[in-house]
């Protein structure tokens, strides 16, 4: 049976993640209140941030920035796109 959560991103009940997606208390909080679809939206946003800001996940400063943006995305005011970001044309 699929575990469901009240997703903070979708604002509705949806299938939850299968495992804790990030270490520590933030990961546990995400596991308890973010759906698979909500997590997928974060992953797409994170890739955009990494590309636009030219971040390397190996750099501690970049990891700290992404963790901060992740917390804002799920539990804060939201993570904004960079001002110069232009979405790809369809």
N, C-alpha and C. Protein backbone atom coordinates (compact mmCIF):
# COMPACT_ATOMS: atom_id res chain seq x y z
N UNK A 1 0.84 -1.18 0.00
CA UNK A 1 0.00 0.00 0.00
C UNK A 1 0.88 1.25 0.00
N UNK A 2 0.53 2.21 -0.80
CA UNK A 2 1.30 3.44 -0.93
C UNK A 2 1.03 4.37 0.25
N UNK A 3 2.11 4.91 0.78
CA UNK A 3 2.02 5.88 1.87
C UNK A 3 1.61 7.22 1.28
N UNK A 4 0.68 7.91 1.93
CA UNK A 4 0.27 9.23 1.45
C UNK A 4 0.63 10.29 2.49
N UNK A 5 0.80 11.51 1.99
CA UNK A 5 1.12 12.64 2.86
C UNK A 5 0.27 13.83 2.43
N UNK A 6 0.08 14.75 3.35
CA UNK A 6 -0.53 16.04 3.01
C UNK A 6 0.61 16.90 2.50
N UNK A 7 0.73 17.03 1.19
CA UNK A 7 1.89 17.67 0.57
C UNK A 7 1.84 19.20 0.71
N UNK A 8 2.94 19.77 1.19
CA UNK A 8 3.03 21.22 1.35
C UNK A 8 3.18 21.93 0.01
N UNK A 9 3.60 21.21 -1.02
CA UNK A 9 3.75 21.81 -2.35
C UNK A 9 2.42 21.79 -3.08
N UNK A 10 1.78 20.63 -3.12
CA UNK A 10 0.54 20.47 -3.87
C UNK A 10 -0.69 20.95 -3.10
N UNK A 11 -0.54 21.11 -1.79
CA UNK A 11 -1.64 21.52 -0.91
C UNK A 11 -2.79 20.50 -0.95
N UNK A 12 -2.43 19.22 -1.12
CA UNK A 12 -3.42 18.15 -1.12
C UNK A 12 -2.73 16.85 -0.74
N UNK A 13 -3.53 15.82 -0.50
CA UNK A 13 -2.98 14.52 -0.16
C UNK A 13 -2.50 13.84 -1.44
N UNK A 14 -1.32 13.24 -1.36
CA UNK A 14 -0.72 12.60 -2.54
C UNK A 14 0.24 11.51 -2.08
N UNK A 15 0.63 10.61 -2.99
CA UNK A 15 1.58 9.56 -2.62
C UNK A 15 2.89 10.16 -2.11
N UNK A 16 3.37 9.61 -0.99
CA UNK A 16 4.60 10.10 -0.38
C UNK A 16 5.85 9.47 -0.96
N UNK A 17 6.97 9.99 -0.54
CA UNK A 17 8.26 9.45 -0.95
C UNK A 17 8.48 8.08 -0.33
N UNK A 18 9.28 7.26 -0.99
CA UNK A 18 9.55 5.92 -0.49
C UNK A 18 10.62 5.91 0.59
N UNK A 19 11.47 6.92 0.59
CA UNK A 19 12.53 6.99 1.60
C UNK A 19 12.88 8.45 1.86
N UNK A 20 13.61 8.68 2.93
CA UNK A 20 14.04 10.03 3.28
C UNK A 20 14.99 10.51 2.18
N UNK A 21 14.70 11.65 1.53
CA UNK A 21 15.46 12.07 0.36
C UNK A 21 16.72 12.88 0.66
N UNK A 22 16.89 13.28 1.92
CA UNK A 22 18.00 14.17 2.27
C UNK A 22 18.37 13.87 3.71
N UNK A 23 19.65 13.95 4.07
CA UNK A 23 20.04 13.61 5.44
C UNK A 23 19.58 14.65 6.46
N UNK A 24 19.46 14.18 7.70
CA UNK A 24 19.19 15.08 8.82
C UNK A 24 17.73 15.42 9.01
N UNK A 25 17.48 16.37 9.92
CA UNK A 25 16.11 16.77 10.24
C UNK A 25 15.33 17.32 9.04
N UNK A 26 16.01 18.06 8.16
CA UNK A 26 15.31 18.59 6.98
C UNK A 26 14.81 17.45 6.11
N UNK A 27 15.61 16.43 5.91
CA UNK A 27 15.20 15.27 5.12
C UNK A 27 14.00 14.56 5.72
N UNK A 28 14.00 14.43 7.04
CA UNK A 28 12.88 13.79 7.72
C UNK A 28 11.61 14.62 7.57
N UNK A 29 11.76 15.92 7.69
CA UNK A 29 10.60 16.83 7.53
C UNK A 29 10.04 16.74 6.11
N UNK A 30 10.93 16.67 5.13
CA UNK A 30 10.50 16.53 3.73
C UNK A 30 9.77 15.20 3.55
N UNK A 31 10.34 14.13 4.09
CA UNK A 31 9.73 12.80 3.98
C UNK A 31 8.30 12.80 4.54
N UNK A 32 8.09 13.51 5.62
CA UNK A 32 6.79 13.51 6.28
C UNK A 32 5.76 14.43 5.63
N UNK A 33 6.21 15.42 4.83
CA UNK A 33 5.23 16.39 4.34
C UNK A 33 5.38 16.80 2.87
N UNK A 34 6.13 16.03 2.10
CA UNK A 34 6.28 16.33 0.66
C UNK A 34 5.98 15.05 -0.13
N UNK A 35 5.18 15.20 -1.16
CA UNK A 35 4.81 14.06 -2.01
C UNK A 35 5.90 13.80 -3.06
N UNK A 36 5.73 12.71 -3.76
CA UNK A 36 6.65 12.38 -4.86
C UNK A 36 6.64 13.49 -5.91
N UNK A 37 5.44 13.96 -6.25
CA UNK A 37 5.31 15.04 -7.25
C UNK A 37 5.95 16.32 -6.73
N UNK A 38 5.75 16.63 -5.46
CA UNK A 38 6.37 17.82 -4.86
C UNK A 38 7.89 17.73 -4.91
N UNK A 39 8.43 16.55 -4.61
CA UNK A 39 9.88 16.35 -4.66
C UNK A 39 10.38 16.49 -6.09
N UNK A 40 9.64 15.95 -7.04
CA UNK A 40 10.02 16.05 -8.45
C UNK A 40 10.09 17.51 -8.90
N UNK A 41 9.16 18.32 -8.42
CA UNK A 41 9.18 19.75 -8.76
C UNK A 41 10.42 20.42 -8.19
N UNK A 42 10.81 20.03 -6.96
CA UNK A 42 12.03 20.58 -6.38
C UNK A 42 13.25 20.18 -7.20
N UNK A 43 13.34 18.92 -7.61
CA UNK A 43 14.50 18.45 -8.38
C UNK A 43 14.66 19.27 -9.66
N UNK A 44 13.55 19.53 -10.35
CA UNK A 44 13.61 20.35 -11.57
C UNK A 44 14.07 21.77 -11.25
N UNK A 45 13.57 22.32 -10.16
CA UNK A 45 13.96 23.67 -9.75
C UNK A 45 15.44 23.70 -9.36
N UNK A 46 15.88 22.68 -8.66
CA UNK A 46 17.28 22.60 -8.24
C UNK A 46 18.22 22.53 -9.44
N UNK A 47 17.86 21.74 -10.44
CA UNK A 47 18.68 21.65 -11.66
C UNK A 47 18.78 23.02 -12.33
N UNK A 48 17.65 23.74 -12.39
CA UNK A 48 17.67 25.07 -12.97
C UNK A 48 18.60 25.99 -12.18
N UNK A 49 18.51 25.95 -10.84
CA UNK A 49 19.40 26.78 -10.01
C UNK A 49 20.86 26.43 -10.26
N UNK A 50 21.16 25.15 -10.30
CA UNK A 50 22.55 24.72 -10.52
C UNK A 50 23.07 25.19 -11.87
N UNK A 51 22.23 25.08 -12.89
CA UNK A 51 22.65 25.51 -14.22
C UNK A 51 22.80 27.03 -14.32
N UNK A 52 21.82 27.76 -13.81
CA UNK A 52 21.84 29.22 -13.93
C UNK A 52 22.97 29.85 -13.11
N UNK A 53 23.21 29.31 -11.92
CA UNK A 53 24.26 29.86 -11.06
C UNK A 53 25.60 29.14 -11.22
N UNK A 54 25.63 28.16 -12.12
CA UNK A 54 26.85 27.39 -12.38
C UNK A 54 27.41 26.79 -11.08
N UNK A 55 26.54 26.09 -10.35
CA UNK A 55 26.92 25.52 -9.06
C UNK A 55 27.44 24.09 -9.23
N UNK A 56 28.39 23.74 -8.40
CA UNK A 56 28.90 22.38 -8.34
C UNK A 56 28.46 21.77 -7.02
N UNK A 57 27.81 20.61 -7.05
CA UNK A 57 27.38 20.00 -5.80
C UNK A 57 28.55 19.53 -4.93
N UNK A 58 29.76 19.60 -5.46
CA UNK A 58 30.94 19.23 -4.69
C UNK A 58 31.42 20.36 -3.79
N UNK A 59 31.01 21.58 -4.09
CA UNK A 59 31.44 22.73 -3.31
C UNK A 59 30.54 22.93 -2.10
N UNK A 60 31.13 23.02 -0.89
CA UNK A 60 30.33 23.21 0.32
C UNK A 60 29.43 24.44 0.28
N UNK A 61 29.92 25.53 -0.29
CA UNK A 61 29.13 26.76 -0.37
C UNK A 61 27.89 26.54 -1.24
N UNK A 62 28.05 25.82 -2.35
CA UNK A 62 26.93 25.53 -3.24
C UNK A 62 25.92 24.62 -2.56
N UNK A 63 26.40 23.61 -1.84
CA UNK A 63 25.50 22.70 -1.13
C UNK A 63 24.70 23.44 -0.07
N UNK A 64 25.36 24.35 0.64
CA UNK A 64 24.67 25.13 1.67
C UNK A 64 23.59 26.02 1.03
N UNK A 65 23.92 26.64 -0.10
CA UNK A 65 22.96 27.47 -0.82
C UNK A 65 21.75 26.63 -1.25
N UNK A 66 22.01 25.45 -1.84
CA UNK A 66 20.92 24.60 -2.32
C UNK A 66 20.05 24.10 -1.17
N UNK A 67 20.68 23.79 -0.03
CA UNK A 67 19.89 23.36 1.13
C UNK A 67 18.99 24.50 1.61
N UNK A 68 19.52 25.70 1.62
CA UNK A 68 18.73 26.86 2.03
C UNK A 68 17.56 27.07 1.07
N UNK A 69 17.82 26.95 -0.23
CA UNK A 69 16.76 27.10 -1.23
C UNK A 69 15.72 25.99 -1.11
N UNK A 70 16.17 24.78 -0.78
CA UNK A 70 15.27 23.66 -0.60
C UNK A 70 14.30 23.93 0.56
N UNK A 71 14.85 24.43 1.65
CA UNK A 71 14.01 24.73 2.81
C UNK A 71 13.00 25.82 2.46
N UNK A 72 13.43 26.85 1.73
CA UNK A 72 12.50 27.91 1.32
C UNK A 72 11.44 27.38 0.36
N UNK A 73 11.85 26.51 -0.57
CA UNK A 73 10.95 25.94 -1.57
C UNK A 73 9.81 25.19 -0.89
N UNK A 74 10.14 24.37 0.10
CA UNK A 74 9.13 23.54 0.75
C UNK A 74 8.42 24.22 1.92
N UNK A 75 9.15 24.94 2.75
CA UNK A 75 8.59 25.38 4.02
C UNK A 75 8.64 26.89 4.24
N UNK A 76 9.15 27.63 3.27
CA UNK A 76 9.25 29.07 3.42
C UNK A 76 8.44 29.80 2.39
N UNK A 77 8.97 30.93 1.97
CA UNK A 77 8.27 31.79 1.01
C UNK A 77 8.42 31.32 -0.43
N UNK A 78 9.20 30.26 -0.65
CA UNK A 78 9.43 29.75 -2.00
C UNK A 78 10.81 30.15 -2.47
N UNK A 79 11.34 29.38 -3.38
CA UNK A 79 12.65 29.64 -3.95
C UNK A 79 12.45 30.31 -5.30
N UNK A 80 12.98 31.51 -5.45
CA UNK A 80 12.79 32.26 -6.68
C UNK A 80 13.76 31.82 -7.76
N UNK A 81 13.34 32.03 -8.99
CA UNK A 81 14.24 31.82 -10.12
C UNK A 81 15.20 33.00 -10.17
N UNK A 82 16.40 32.80 -10.73
CA UNK A 82 17.29 33.94 -10.92
C UNK A 82 16.64 34.99 -11.82
N UNK A 83 16.92 36.24 -11.57
CA UNK A 83 16.30 37.33 -12.33
C UNK A 83 16.52 37.20 -13.83
N UNK A 84 17.67 36.71 -14.23
CA UNK A 84 18.00 36.61 -15.65
C UNK A 84 17.53 35.30 -16.30
N UNK A 85 16.84 34.44 -15.54
CA UNK A 85 16.39 33.15 -16.08
C UNK A 85 15.32 33.35 -17.14
N UNK A 86 15.51 32.67 -18.26
CA UNK A 86 14.51 32.65 -19.32
C UNK A 86 14.18 31.19 -19.60
N UNK A 87 12.92 30.79 -19.37
CA UNK A 87 12.56 29.39 -19.62
C UNK A 87 12.74 29.01 -21.08
N UNK A 88 13.09 27.76 -21.34
CA UNK A 88 13.27 27.34 -22.75
C UNK A 88 11.95 27.47 -23.50
N UNK A 89 12.06 27.84 -24.75
CA UNK A 89 10.86 27.99 -25.57
C UNK A 89 10.41 26.62 -26.05
N UNK A 90 9.10 26.40 -26.03
CA UNK A 90 8.56 25.10 -26.44
C UNK A 90 8.40 25.01 -27.94
